[in-house]
Amino acid sequence: MNLIEQIKVIFFTFLFGIVFSFFYNILYSFLYNKKLIFKIIVNLFFFITFSSIYYYFIYNLNGGILHIYLLLIFIISFYLYNKLFIKIRIG
């Protein structure tokens, strides 16, 4: 994987972490007072959908090669969204 591909993947992972965090906050506020089985099914569907979307784009960007630093960037972007954009958080 060359440098341009790595930069694209890192940038995409950072943006995807922010988008994922946004939709996760919406989902969390939606499921706050629902039944347990409904929460489990919706969460499972949510994570499978977002994982599939992420892997599809990673596959198109660099052939589906995942590195540990992509997980770290995803976690950092998820954390930054939740800390920096707390005012627009739903819930």
PDB file of N, CA and C in Angstrom:
ATOM      1  N   MET A   1       0.860  -1.170   0.000  1.00  0.00           N
ATOM      2  CA  MET A   1       0.000   0.000   0.000  1.00  0.00           C
ATOM      3  C   MET A   1       0.906   1.232   0.000  1.00  0.00           C
ATOM      4  N   ASN A   2       0.677   2.112  -0.960  1.00  0.00           N
ATOM      5  CA  ASN A   2       1.509   3.300  -1.045  1.00  0.00           C
ATOM      6  C   ASN A   2       0.997   4.402  -0.110  1.00  0.00           C
ATOM      7  N   LEU A   3       1.730   5.495  -0.067  1.00  0.00           N
ATOM      8  CA  LEU A   3       1.428   6.567   0.868  1.00  0.00           C
ATOM      9  C   LEU A   3       0.079   7.229   0.583  1.00  0.00           C
ATOM     10  N   ILE A   4      -0.251   7.433  -0.676  1.00  0.00           N
ATOM     11  CA  ILE A   4      -1.535   8.065  -1.033  1.00  0.00           C
ATOM     12  C   ILE A   4      -2.698   7.197  -0.563  1.00  0.00           C
ATOM     13  N   GLU A   5      -2.608   5.892  -0.767  1.00  0.00           N
ATOM     14  CA  GLU A   5      -3.660   4.989  -0.293  1.00  0.00           C
ATOM     15  C   GLU A   5      -3.788   5.033   1.217  1.00  0.00           C
ATOM     16  N   GLN A   6      -2.673   5.068   1.917  1.00  0.00           N
ATOM     17  CA  GLN A   6      -2.714   5.128   3.376  1.00  0.00           C
ATOM     18  C   GLN A   6      -3.370   6.409   3.869  1.00  0.00           C
ATOM     19  N   ILE A   7      -3.055   7.523   3.245  1.00  0.00           N
ATOM     20  CA  ILE A   7      -3.665   8.801   3.638  1.00  0.00           C
ATOM     21  C   ILE A   7      -5.163   8.770   3.379  1.00  0.00           C
ATOM     22  N   LYS A   8      -5.573   8.230   2.239  1.00  0.00           N
ATOM     23  CA  LYS A   8      -7.002   8.119   1.937  1.00  0.00           C
ATOM     24  C   LYS A   8      -7.716   7.250   2.969  1.00  0.00           C
ATOM     25  N   VAL A   9      -7.122   6.118   3.314  1.00  0.00           N
ATOM     26  CA  VAL A   9      -7.736   5.199   4.270  1.00  0.00           C
ATOM     27  C   VAL A   9      -7.802   5.822   5.661  1.00  0.00           C
ATOM     28  N   ILE A  10      -6.744   6.504   6.066  1.00  0.00           N
ATOM     29  CA  ILE A  10      -6.736   7.160   7.379  1.00  0.00           C
ATOM     30  C   ILE A  10      -7.798   8.252   7.427  1.00  0.00           C
ATOM     31  N   PHE A  11      -7.878   9.077   6.403  1.00  0.00           N
ATOM     32  CA  PHE A  11      -8.878  10.143   6.356  1.00  0.00           C
ATOM     33  C   PHE A  11     -10.294   9.568   6.351  1.00  0.00           C
ATOM     34  N   PHE A  12     -10.514   8.529   5.535  1.00  0.00           N
ATOM     35  CA  PHE A  12     -11.831   7.902   5.492  1.00  0.00           C
ATOM     36  C   PHE A  12     -12.200   7.296   6.840  1.00  0.00           C
ATOM     37  N   THR A  13     -11.253   6.636   7.500  1.00  0.00           N
ATOM     38  CA  THR A  13     -11.521   6.027   8.799  1.00  0.00           C
ATOM     39  C   THR A  13     -11.867   7.081   9.832  1.00  0.00           C
ATOM     40  N   PHE A  14     -11.165   8.213   9.807  1.00  0.00           N
ATOM     41  CA  PHE A  14     -11.467   9.291  10.743  1.00  0.00           C
ATOM     42  C   PHE A  14     -12.881   9.831  10.508  1.00  0.00           C
ATOM     43  N   LEU A  15     -13.225  10.106   9.265  1.00  0.00           N
ATOM     44  CA  LEU A  15     -14.576  10.592   8.953  1.00  0.00           C
ATOM     45  C   LEU A  15     -15.645   9.551   9.263  1.00  0.00           C
ATOM     46  N   PHE A  16     -15.350   8.311   8.985  1.00  0.00           N
ATOM     47  CA  PHE A  16     -16.314   7.248   9.267  1.00  0.00           C
ATOM     48  C   PHE A  16     -16.546   7.106  10.768  1.00  0.00           C
ATOM     49  N   GLY A  17     -15.511   7.297  11.575  1.00  0.00           N
ATOM     50  CA  GLY A  17     -15.678   7.252  13.021  1.00  0.00           C
ATOM     51  C   GLY A  17     -16.594   8.354  13.513  1.00  0.00           C
ATOM     52  N   ILE A  18     -16.491   9.533  12.923  1.00  0.00           N
ATOM     53  CA  ILE A  18     -17.362  10.648  13.303  1.00  0.00           C
ATOM     54  C   ILE A  18     -18.804  10.361  12.886  1.00  0.00           C
ATOM     55  N   VAL A  19     -18.993   9.879  11.665  1.00  0.00           N
ATOM     56  CA  VAL A  19     -20.341   9.546  11.187  1.00  0.00           C
ATOM     57  C   VAL A  19     -20.942   8.423  12.025  1.00  0.00           C
ATOM     58  N   PHE A  20     -20.137   7.418  12.330  1.00  0.00           N
ATOM     59  CA  PHE A  20     -20.598   6.309  13.152  1.00  0.00           C
ATOM     60  C   PHE A  20     -21.029   6.804  14.536  1.00  0.00           C
ATOM     61  N   SER A  21     -20.244   7.663  15.127  1.00  0.00           N
ATOM     62  CA  SER A  21     -20.574   8.206  16.444  1.00  0.00           C
ATOM     63  C   SER A  21     -21.869   9.009  16.407  1.00  0.00           C
ATOM     64  N   PHE A  22     -22.048   9.798  15.360  1.00  0.00           N
ATOM     65  CA  PHE A  22     -23.270  10.583  15.214  1.00  0.00           C
ATOM     66  C   PHE A  22     -24.501   9.673  15.175  1.00  0.00           C
ATOM     67  N   PHE A  23     -24.460   8.659  14.308  1.00  0.00           N
ATOM     68  CA  PHE A  23     -25.603   7.756  14.186  1.00  0.00           C
ATOM     69  C   PHE A  23     -25.778   6.885  15.424  1.00  0.00           C
ATOM     70  N   TYR A  24     -24.683   6.552  16.088  1.00  0.00           N
ATOM     71  CA  TYR A  24     -24.794   5.779  17.326  1.00  0.00           C
ATOM     72  C   TYR A  24     -25.489   6.595  18.411  1.00  0.00           C
ATOM     73  N   ASN A  25     -25.207   7.880  18.489  1.00  0.00           N
ATOM     74  CA  ASN A  25     -25.886   8.735  19.458  1.00  0.00           C
ATOM     75  C   ASN A  25     -27.371   8.862  19.145  1.00  0.00           C
ATOM     76  N   ILE A  26     -27.719   8.941  17.880  1.00  0.00           N
ATOM     77  CA  ILE A  26     -29.139   8.964  17.502  1.00  0.00           C
ATOM     78  C   ILE A  26     -29.798   7.647  17.892  1.00  0.00           C
ATOM     79  N   LEU A  27     -29.145   6.546  17.582  1.00  0.00           N
ATOM     80  CA  LEU A  27     -29.688   5.233  17.915  1.00  0.00           C
ATOM     81  C   LEU A  27     -29.848   5.071  19.421  1.00  0.00           C
ATOM     82  N   TYR A  28     -28.866   5.516  20.181  1.00  0.00           N
ATOM     83  CA  TYR A  28     -28.925   5.384  21.630  1.00  0.00           C
ATOM     84  C   TYR A  28     -30.097   6.163  22.210  1.00  0.00           C
ATOM     85  N   SER A  29     -30.306   7.373  21.724  1.00  0.00           N
ATOM     86  CA  SER A  29     -31.426   8.158  22.239  1.00  0.00           C
ATOM     87  C   SER A  29     -32.766   7.553  21.816  1.00  0.00           C
ATOM     88  N   PHE A  30     -32.807   6.926  20.652  1.00  0.00           N
ATOM     89  CA  PHE A  30     -34.029   6.286  20.176  1.00  0.00           C
ATOM     90  C   PHE A  30     -34.369   5.050  21.001  1.00  0.00           C
ATOM     91  N   LEU A  31     -33.355   4.310  21.429  1.00  0.00           N
ATOM     92  CA  LEU A  31     -33.569   3.047  22.140  1.00  0.00           C
ATOM     93  C   LEU A  31     -33.589   3.192  23.655  1.00  0.00           C
ATOM     94  N   TYR A  32     -33.593   4.391  24.149  1.00  0.00           N
ATOM     95  CA  TYR A  32     -33.424   4.610  25.582  1.00  0.00           C
ATOM     96  C   TYR A  32     -34.483   3.905  26.424  1.00  0.00           C
ATOM     97  N   ASN A  33     -35.727   3.920  26.034  1.00  0.00           N
ATOM     98  CA  ASN A  33     -36.797   3.335  26.835  1.00  0.00           C
ATOM     99  C   ASN A  33     -37.495   2.170  26.127  1.00  0.00           C
ATOM    100  N   LYS A  34     -36.788   1.421  25.357  1.00  0.00           N
ATOM    101  CA  LYS A  34     -37.392   0.313  24.616  1.00  0.00           C
ATOM    102  C   LYS A  34     -37.128  -1.016  25.324  1.00  0.00           C
ATOM    103  N   LYS A  35     -37.764  -2.063  24.846  1.00  0.00           N
ATOM    104  CA  LYS A  35     -37.589  -3.411  25.399  1.00  0.00           C
ATOM    105  C   LYS A  35     -36.192  -3.942  25.085  1.00  0.00           C
ATOM    106  N   LEU A  36     -35.700  -4.832  25.925  1.00  0.00           N
ATOM    107  CA  LEU A  36     -34.347  -5.361  25.808  1.00  0.00           C
ATOM    108  C   LEU A  36     -34.137  -6.117  24.498  1.00  0.00           C
ATOM    109  N   ILE A  37     -35.054  -6.966  24.104  1.00  0.00           N
ATOM    110  CA  ILE A  37     -34.885  -7.749  22.884  1.00  0.00           C
ATOM    111  C   ILE A  37     -34.860  -6.840  21.657  1.00  0.00           C
ATOM    112  N   PHE A  38     -35.655  -5.771  21.669  1.00  0.00           N
ATOM    113  CA  PHE A  38     -35.648  -4.800  20.577  1.00  0.00           C
ATOM    114  C   PHE A  38     -34.299  -4.092  20.506  1.00  0.00           C
ATOM    115  N   LYS A  39     -33.736  -3.737  21.653  1.00  0.00           N
ATOM    116  CA  LYS A  39     -32.423  -3.092  21.693  1.00  0.00           C
ATOM    117  C   LYS A  39     -31.349  -3.995  21.106  1.00  0.00           C
ATOM    118  N   ILE A  40     -31.378  -5.263  21.471  1.00  0.00           N
ATOM    119  CA  ILE A  40     -30.371  -6.209  20.993  1.00  0.00           C
ATOM    120  C   ILE A  40     -30.455  -6.372  19.477  1.00  0.00           C
ATOM    121  N   ILE A  41     -31.647  -6.539  18.958  1.00  0.00           N
ATOM    122  CA  ILE A  41     -31.821  -6.731  17.516  1.00  0.00           C
ATOM    123  C   ILE A  41     -31.401  -5.489  16.742  1.00  0.00           C
ATOM    124  N   VAL A  42     -31.821  -4.315  17.197  1.00  0.00           N
ATOM    125  CA  VAL A  42     -31.487  -3.081  16.485  1.00  0.00           C
ATOM    126  C   VAL A  42     -29.985  -2.804  16.567  1.00  0.00           C
ATOM    127  N   ASN A  43     -29.370  -3.016  17.724  1.00  0.00           N
ATOM    128  CA  ASN A  43     -27.925  -2.813  17.850  1.00  0.00           C
ATOM    129  C   ASN A  43     -27.152  -3.769  16.959  1.00  0.00           C
ATOM    130  N   LEU A  44     -27.569  -5.016  16.926  1.00  0.00           N
ATOM    131  CA  LEU A  44     -26.907  -5.995  16.073  1.00  0.00           C
ATOM    132  C   LEU A  44     -27.011  -5.587  14.604  1.00  0.00           C
ATOM    133  N   PHE A  45     -28.199  -5.201  14.162  1.00  0.00           N
ATOM    134  CA  PHE A  45     -28.392  -4.750  12.791  1.00  0.00           C
ATOM    135  C   PHE A  45     -27.544  -3.506  12.501  1.00  0.00           C
ATOM    136  N   PHE A  46     -27.501  -2.571  13.443  1.00  0.00           N
ATOM    137  CA  PHE A  46     -26.732  -1.338  13.282  1.00  0.00           C
ATOM    138  C   PHE A  46     -25.247  -1.644  13.099  1.00  0.00           C
ATOM    139  N   PHE A  47     -24.686  -2.478  13.969  1.00  0.00           N
ATOM    140  CA  PHE A  47     -23.259  -2.771  13.887  1.00  0.00           C
ATOM    141  C   PHE A  47     -22.900  -3.596  12.664  1.00  0.00           C
ATOM    142  N   ILE A  48     -23.744  -4.523  12.274  1.00  0.00           N
ATOM    143  CA  ILE A  48     -23.482  -5.305  11.063  1.00  0.00           C
ATOM    144  C   ILE A  48     -23.533  -4.404   9.828  1.00  0.00           C
ATOM    145  N   THR A  49     -24.506  -3.507   9.788  1.00  0.00           N
ATOM    146  CA  THR A  49     -24.632  -2.595   8.650  1.00  0.00           C
ATOM    147  C   THR A  49     -23.418  -1.680   8.538  1.00  0.00           C
ATOM    148  N   PHE A  50     -23.038  -1.037   9.645  1.00  0.00           N
ATOM    149  CA  PHE A  50     -21.910  -0.120   9.590  1.00  0.00           C
ATOM    150  C   PHE A  50     -20.590  -0.841   9.357  1.00  0.00           C
ATOM    151  N   SER A  51     -20.441  -2.042   9.893  1.00  0.00           N
ATOM    152  CA  SER A  51     -19.221  -2.815   9.629  1.00  0.00           C
ATOM    153  C   SER A  51     -19.120  -3.186   8.161  1.00  0.00           C
ATOM    154  N   SER A  52     -20.228  -3.565   7.560  1.00  0.00           N
ATOM    155  CA  SER A  52     -20.236  -3.915   6.144  1.00  0.00           C
ATOM    156  C   SER A  52     -19.917  -2.709   5.264  1.00  0.00           C
ATOM    157  N   ILE A  53     -20.502  -1.578   5.594  1.00  0.00           N
ATOM    158  CA  ILE A  53     -20.229  -0.349   4.834  1.00  0.00           C
ATOM    159  C   ILE A  53     -18.760   0.023   4.948  1.00  0.00           C
ATOM    160  N   TYR A  54     -18.219  -0.044   6.164  1.00  0.00           N
ATOM    161  CA  TYR A  54     -16.809   0.305   6.370  1.00  0.00           C
ATOM    162  C   TYR A  54     -15.899  -0.629   5.570  1.00  0.00           C
ATOM    163  N   TYR A  55     -16.137  -1.914   5.687  1.00  0.00           N
ATOM    164  CA  TYR A  55     -15.273  -2.844   4.978  1.00  0.00           C
ATOM    165  C   TYR A  55     -15.413  -2.708   3.471  1.00  0.00           C
ATOM    166  N   TYR A  56     -16.592  -2.418   2.965  1.00  0.00           N
ATOM    167  CA  TYR A  56     -16.781  -2.209   1.529  1.00  0.00           C
ATOM    168  C   TYR A  56     -15.900  -1.061   1.029  1.00  0.00           C
ATOM    169  N   PHE A  57     -15.912   0.055   1.758  1.00  0.00           N
ATOM    170  CA  PHE A  57     -15.099   1.191   1.332  1.00  0.00           C
ATOM    171  C   PHE A  57     -13.605   0.927   1.517  1.00  0.00           C
ATOM    172  N   ILE A  58     -13.231   0.247   2.579  1.00  0.00           N
ATOM    173  CA  ILE A  58     -11.814  -0.098   2.767  1.00  0.00           C
ATOM    174  C   ILE A  58     -11.369  -1.049   1.651  1.00  0.00           C
ATOM    175  N   TYR A  59     -12.225  -1.953   1.269  1.00  0.00           N
ATOM    176  CA  TYR A  59     -11.893  -2.872   0.180  1.00  0.00           C
ATOM    177  C   TYR A  59     -11.680  -2.111  -1.130  1.00  0.00           C
ATOM    178  N   ASN A  60     -12.505  -1.105  -1.380  1.00  0.00           N
ATOM    179  CA  ASN A  60     -12.354  -0.318  -2.604  1.00  0.00           C
ATOM    180  C   ASN A  60     -11.142   0.614  -2.543  1.00  0.00           C
ATOM    181  N   LEU A  61     -10.768   1.072  -1.353  1.00  0.00           N
ATOM    182  CA  LEU A  61      -9.630   1.986  -1.235  1.00  0.00           C
ATOM    183  C   LEU A  61      -8.291   1.263  -1.285  1.00  0.00           C
ATOM    184  N   ASN A  62      -8.169   0.148  -0.560  1.00  0.00           N
ATOM    185  CA  ASN A  62      -6.850  -0.488  -0.493  1.00  0.00           C
ATOM    186  C   ASN A  62      -6.898  -2.012  -0.536  1.00  0.00           C
ATOM    187  N   GLY A  63      -7.964  -2.581  -1.042  1.00  0.00           N
ATOM    188  CA  GLY A  63      -8.031  -4.025  -1.164  1.00  0.00           C
ATOM    189  C   GLY A  63      -8.463  -4.738   0.099  1.00  0.00           C
ATOM    190  N   GLY A  64      -8.991  -4.027   1.057  1.00  0.00           N
ATOM    191  CA  GLY A  64      -9.503  -4.635   2.277  1.00  0.00           C
ATOM    192  C   GLY A  64      -8.462  -4.911   3.340  1.00  0.00           C
ATOM    193  N   ILE A  65      -7.321  -4.266   3.256  1.00  0.00           N
ATOM    194  CA  ILE A  65      -6.267  -4.475   4.241  1.00  0.00           C
ATOM    195  C   ILE A  65      -6.542  -3.599   5.460  1.00  0.00           C
ATOM    196  N   LEU A  66      -6.684  -4.239   6.609  1.00  0.00           N
ATOM    197  CA  LEU A  66      -6.938  -3.524   7.856  1.00  0.00           C
ATOM    198  C   LEU A  66      -5.679  -3.552   8.715  1.00  0.00           C
ATOM    199  N   HIS A  67      -5.363  -2.430   9.331  1.00  0.00           N
ATOM    200  CA  HIS A  67      -4.223  -2.323  10.220  1.00  0.00           C
ATOM    201  C   HIS A  67      -4.705  -1.877  11.587  1.00  0.00           C
ATOM    202  N   ILE A  68      -3.885  -2.103  12.595  1.00  0.00           N
ATOM    203  CA  ILE A  68      -4.251  -1.734  13.958  1.00  0.00           C
ATOM    204  C   ILE A  68      -4.382  -0.218  14.095  1.00  0.00           C
ATOM    205  N   TYR A  69      -3.615   0.542  13.347  1.00  0.00           N
ATOM    206  CA  TYR A  69      -3.719   1.989  13.471  1.00  0.00           C
ATOM    207  C   TYR A  69      -5.054   2.516  12.953  1.00  0.00           C
ATOM    208  N   LEU A  70      -5.717   1.779  12.074  1.00  0.00           N
ATOM    209  CA  LEU A  70      -7.054   2.180  11.625  1.00  0.00           C
ATOM    210  C   LEU A  70      -8.061   2.059  12.764  1.00  0.00           C
ATOM    211  N   LEU A  71      -7.930   1.025  13.562  1.00  0.00           N
ATOM    212  CA  LEU A  71      -8.784   0.882  14.736  1.00  0.00           C
ATOM    213  C   LEU A  71      -8.522   2.019  15.721  1.00  0.00           C
ATOM    214  N   LEU A  72      -7.277   2.373  15.915  1.00  0.00           N
ATOM    215  CA  LEU A  72      -6.939   3.476  16.824  1.00  0.00           C
ATOM    216  C   LEU A  72      -7.491   4.808  16.315  1.00  0.00           C
ATOM    217  N   ILE A  73      -7.399   5.044  15.030  1.00  0.00           N
ATOM    218  CA  ILE A  73      -7.942   6.282  14.449  1.00  0.00           C
ATOM    219  C   ILE A  73      -9.460   6.307  14.579  1.00  0.00           C
ATOM    220  N   PHE A  74     -10.097   5.177  14.372  1.00  0.00           N
ATOM    221  CA  PHE A  74     -11.547   5.086  14.530  1.00  0.00           C
ATOM    222  C   PHE A  74     -11.948   5.406  15.973  1.00  0.00           C
ATOM    223  N   ILE A  75     -11.249   4.848  16.935  1.00  0.00           N
ATOM    224  CA  ILE A  75     -11.550   5.095  18.352  1.00  0.00           C
ATOM    225  C   ILE A  75     -11.301   6.552  18.708  1.00  0.00           C
ATOM    226  N   ILE A  76     -10.224   7.131  18.202  1.00  0.00           N
ATOM    227  CA  ILE A  76      -9.924   8.540  18.470  1.00  0.00           C
ATOM    228  C   ILE A  76     -11.003   9.442  17.882  1.00  0.00           C
ATOM    229  N   SER A  77     -11.448   9.171  16.665  1.00  0.00           N
ATOM    230  CA  SER A  77     -12.483  10.018  16.062  1.00  0.00           C
ATOM    231  C   SER A  77     -13.812   9.855  16.782  1.00  0.00           C
ATOM    232  N   PHE A  78     -14.123   8.649  17.233  1.00  0.00           N
ATOM    233  CA  PHE A  78     -15.343   8.418  18.012  1.00  0.00           C
ATOM    234  C   PHE A  78     -15.285   9.213  19.313  1.00  0.00           C
ATOM    235  N   TYR A  79     -14.147   9.176  19.976  1.00  0.00           N
ATOM    236  CA  TYR A  79     -13.953   9.905  21.234  1.00  0.00           C
ATOM    237  C   TYR A  79     -14.020  11.415  21.012  1.00  0.00           C
ATOM    238  N   LEU A  80     -13.355  11.911  19.982  1.00  0.00           N
ATOM    239  CA  LEU A  80     -13.358  13.350  19.706  1.00  0.00           C
ATOM    240  C   LEU A  80     -14.755  13.857  19.390  1.00  0.00           C
ATOM    241  N   TYR A  81     -15.519  13.106  18.635  1.00  0.00           N
ATOM    242  CA  TYR A  81     -16.881  13.527  18.346  1.00  0.00           C
ATOM    243  C   TYR A  81     -17.686  13.647  19.636  1.00  0.00           C
ATOM    244  N   ASN A  82     -17.569  12.659  20.489  1.00  0.00           N
ATOM    245  CA  ASN A  82     -18.349  12.669  21.724  1.00  0.00           C
ATOM    246  C   ASN A  82     -17.886  13.751  22.698  1.00  0.00           C
ATOM    247  N   LYS A  83     -16.635  14.143  22.654  1.00  0.00           N
ATOM    248  CA  LYS A  83     -16.142  15.185  23.556  1.00  0.00           C
ATOM    249  C   LYS A  83     -16.300  16.591  22.979  1.00  0.00           C
ATOM    250  N   LEU A  84     -16.048  16.764  21.691  1.00  0.00           N
ATOM    251  CA  LEU A  84     -16.071  18.098  21.100  1.00  0.00           C
ATOM    252  C   LEU A  84     -17.465  18.551  20.684  1.00  0.00           C
ATOM    253  N   PHE A  85     -18.312  17.622  20.317  1.00  0.00           N
ATOM    254  CA  PHE A  85     -19.629  17.963  19.828  1.00  0.00           C
ATOM    255  C   PHE A  85     -20.725  17.557  20.800  1.00  0.00           C
ATOM    256  N   ILE A  86     -20.436  17.611  22.072  1.00  0.00           N
ATOM    257  CA  ILE A  86     -21.383  17.198  23.099  1.00  0.00           C
ATOM    258  C   ILE A  86     -22.632  18.073  23.075  1.00  0.00           C
ATOM    259  N   LYS A  87     -22.514  19.319  22.642  1.00  0.00           N
ATOM    260  CA  LYS A  87     -23.656  20.233  22.630  1.00  0.00           C
ATOM    261  C   LYS A  87     -24.694  19.839  21.599  1.00  0.00           C
ATOM    262  N   ILE A  88     -24.267  19.247  20.478  1.00  0.00           N
ATOM    263  CA  ILE A  88     -25.237  18.862  19.458  1.00  0.00           C
ATOM    264  C   ILE A  88     -25.621  17.392  19.569  1.00  0.00           C
ATOM    265  N   ARG A  89     -25.129  16.744  20.587  1.00  0.00           N
ATOM    266  CA  ARG A  89     -25.462  15.340  20.819  1.00  0.00           C
ATOM    267  C   ARG A  89     -26.947  15.205  21.106  1.00  0.00           C
ATOM    268  N   ILE A  90     -27.533  14.216  20.535  1.00  0.00           N
ATOM    269  CA  ILE A  90     -28.956  13.979  20.722  1.00  0.00           C
ATOM    270  C   ILE A  90     -29.126  13.077  21.942  1.00  0.00           C
ATOM    271  N   GLY A  91     -29.954  13.487  22.867  1.00  0.00           N
ATOM    272  CA  GLY A  91     -30.201  12.637  24.022  1.00  0.00           C
ATOM    273  C   GLY A  91     -29.912  13.252  25.325  1.00  0.00           C
TER     274      GLY A  91
END
